[in-house]
Amino acid sequence: MNDPIAIIYKSIGSDEAYYKLVDFFYAEVEKDTLLRPLYPADLTDAKRHLALFLIQRTGGPQTYSNERGHPRMRMRHMPFPIGIAERNAWLTNMSQALKQTPEFANHREVLEHYFLDFATFLMNKADETMQPPG
C-alpha cells in the first residue's frame, strides 16, 4: 500500500524542518484565543511531542514511540474538548505554519489533506453546527 505521508521525511532529510514547522505552528497557537487555553502554560513538551510525532509519522526515526509508547492520539486528546471550531482553528494554524516552512512546500497538499483527516478523527465534542468535513 502506498502511503504518501510515510515518505516525506526521506525527502526533507532532517529533523530541523519539523522543529521549525512546530515553532511556527505554536506561534500561531499562542495568538489563538480558542486553542491557547487547551495547552499548558509551558509549551516545551508539547512542541517536542508534536515534532517527534510528525517525524515518526512521515517516515523518520521512531523516537516518539520509543519514548512515549504507541501514539494513541485519540486517547491522548480525549481530555480536551475538540469540536468543529477547535478542529478548524488547529487546521488554520497548521496551514499557516506549513506556508512559513519552505521545506514542506512540495508536500503541502498531501499534508493538508492528512491534517484534515487526522484533526477530524480527534474530534470528541458534538457541536450543534457540526458539518461533515470537506
Protein backbone atom coordinates (compact mmCIF):
# COMPACT_ATOMS: atom_id res chain seq x y z
CA MET A 1 0.00 0.00 0.00
CA ASN A 2 1.35 3.40 -0.95
CA ASP A 3 1.37 5.89 1.95
CA PRO A 4 2.41 9.33 0.67
CA ILE A 5 2.80 10.60 4.23
CA ALA A 6 5.34 7.94 5.21
CA ILE A 7 7.87 9.03 2.56
CA ILE A 8 8.04 12.74 3.38
CA TYR A 9 10.84 12.51 5.95
CA LYS A 10 13.20 10.99 3.40
CA SER A 11 12.56 13.96 1.10
CA ILE A 12 13.00 16.51 3.90
CA GLY A 13 16.11 14.74 5.18
CA SER A 14 16.40 16.02 8.74
CA ASP A 15 14.53 16.86 11.93
CA GLU A 16 15.27 20.60 11.71
CA ALA A 17 12.42 21.45 9.34
CA TYR A 18 9.94 19.68 11.62
CA TYR A 19 11.02 21.73 14.61
CA LYS A 20 10.69 24.89 12.50
CA LEU A 21 7.19 23.85 11.44
CA VAL A 22 6.22 23.18 15.04
CA ASP A 23 7.66 26.51 16.20
CA PHE A 24 5.64 28.34 13.54
CA PHE A 25 2.53 26.35 14.49
CA TYR A 26 2.81 27.13 18.19
CA ALA A 27 3.50 30.81 17.45
CA GLU A 28 0.04 30.80 15.83
CA VAL A 29 -1.49 28.86 18.74
CA GLU A 30 -0.06 31.44 21.18
CA LYS A 31 -2.29 34.07 19.48
CA ASP A 32 -5.35 31.81 19.17
CA THR A 33 -7.90 32.60 21.86
CA LEU A 34 -9.81 29.37 21.23
CA LEU A 35 -6.90 26.93 21.24
CA ARG A 36 -4.37 28.51 23.60
CA PRO A 37 -6.34 27.62 26.77
CA LEU A 38 -6.23 23.93 25.76
CA TYR A 39 -2.43 23.85 26.03
CA PRO A 40 -0.19 24.01 29.10
CA ALA A 41 1.45 27.32 30.01
CA ASP A 42 4.86 25.91 29.08
CA LEU A 43 4.73 24.59 25.52
CA THR A 44 8.17 22.98 25.55
CA ASP A 45 6.95 19.39 25.88
CA ALA A 46 4.00 19.90 23.53
CA LYS A 47 6.35 21.23 20.84
CA ARG A 48 8.76 18.33 21.20
CA HIS A 49 5.99 15.75 21.20
CA LEU A 50 4.37 17.17 18.05
CA ALA A 51 7.70 17.37 16.23
CA LEU A 52 8.61 13.81 17.18
CA PHE A 53 5.18 12.52 16.20
CA LEU A 54 5.34 14.22 12.79
CA ILE A 55 8.87 12.97 12.21
CA GLN A 56 7.80 9.42 13.01
CA ARG A 57 4.55 9.57 11.02
CA THR A 58 6.35 10.86 7.94
CA GLY A 59 8.88 8.04 7.92
CA GLY A 60 11.60 9.32 10.24
CA PRO A 61 13.08 7.87 13.41
CA GLN A 62 10.67 6.20 15.84
CA THR A 63 11.74 8.36 18.78
CA TYR A 64 8.16 9.31 19.63
CA SER A 65 7.07 5.69 20.16
CA ASN A 66 10.34 4.72 21.80
CA GLU A 67 9.84 7.43 24.43
CA ARG A 68 6.06 7.55 24.78
CA GLY A 69 4.76 4.20 23.52
CA HIS A 70 2.09 3.84 20.88
CA PRO A 71 0.84 7.29 19.81
CA ARG A 72 -2.81 6.60 20.85
CA MET A 73 -3.63 10.13 19.71
CA ARG A 74 -7.37 9.87 20.19
CA MET A 75 -6.90 8.77 23.81
CA ARG A 76 -4.27 11.46 24.45
CA HIS A 77 -6.63 14.16 23.18
CA MET A 78 -9.80 12.99 24.98
CA PRO A 79 -9.34 15.35 27.96
CA PHE A 80 -9.57 18.33 25.60
CA PRO A 81 -12.89 19.38 24.05
CA ILE A 82 -12.34 19.22 20.29
CA GLY A 83 -15.28 20.20 18.14
CA ILE A 84 -15.55 21.69 14.70
CA ALA A 85 -14.35 25.13 15.85
CA GLU A 86 -11.26 23.72 17.55
CA ARG A 87 -10.53 21.46 14.59
CA ASN A 88 -10.82 24.36 12.16
CA ALA A 89 -8.65 26.62 14.31
CA TRP A 90 -5.99 23.92 14.56
CA LEU A 91 -6.08 23.41 10.78
CA THR A 92 -5.81 27.15 10.14
CA ASN A 93 -2.80 27.44 12.43
CA MET A 94 -1.10 24.41 10.90
CA SER A 95 -1.78 25.67 7.39
CA GLN A 96 -0.10 28.97 8.29
CA ALA A 97 2.86 27.08 9.71
CA LEU A 98 3.17 24.98 6.55
CA LYS A 99 3.19 28.15 4.44
CA GLN A 100 6.02 29.51 6.58
CA THR A 101 8.16 26.37 6.30
CA PRO A 102 9.51 26.16 2.74
CA GLU A 103 10.98 22.70 3.30
CA PHE A 104 7.43 21.33 3.18
CA ALA A 105 6.34 23.19 0.02
CA ASN A 106 6.41 20.06 -2.15
CA HIS A 107 4.38 18.15 0.44
CA ARG A 108 1.90 20.81 1.49
CA GLU A 109 -1.12 19.44 -0.36
CA VAL A 110 -0.73 15.88 0.93
CA LEU A 111 -0.01 17.13 4.47
CA GLU A 112 -3.04 19.42 4.50
CA HIS A 113 -5.23 16.51 3.47
CA TYR A 114 -3.65 14.31 6.16
CA PHE A 115 -4.09 17.03 8.81
CA LEU A 116 -7.75 17.49 7.86
CA ASP A 117 -8.45 13.78 8.23
CA PHE A 118 -6.43 13.49 11.42
CA ALA A 119 -7.91 16.58 13.09
CA THR A 120 -11.39 15.32 12.22
CA PHE A 121 -10.54 11.93 13.74
CA LEU A 122 -9.57 13.66 17.00
CA MET A 123 -12.92 15.45 17.36
CA ASN A 124 -14.69 14.39 20.55
CA LYS A 125 -17.24 17.13 21.16
CA ALA A 126 -20.61 17.30 19.46
CA ASP A 127 -21.35 20.70 18.03
CA GLU A 128 -24.86 21.81 17.15
CA THR A 129 -23.49 23.15 13.89
CA MET A 130 -21.31 20.13 13.11
CA GLN A 131 -20.98 19.61 9.40
CA PRO A 132 -19.22 16.76 7.63
CA PRO A 133 -15.58 17.62 6.86
CA GLY A 134 -14.72 18.83 3.44
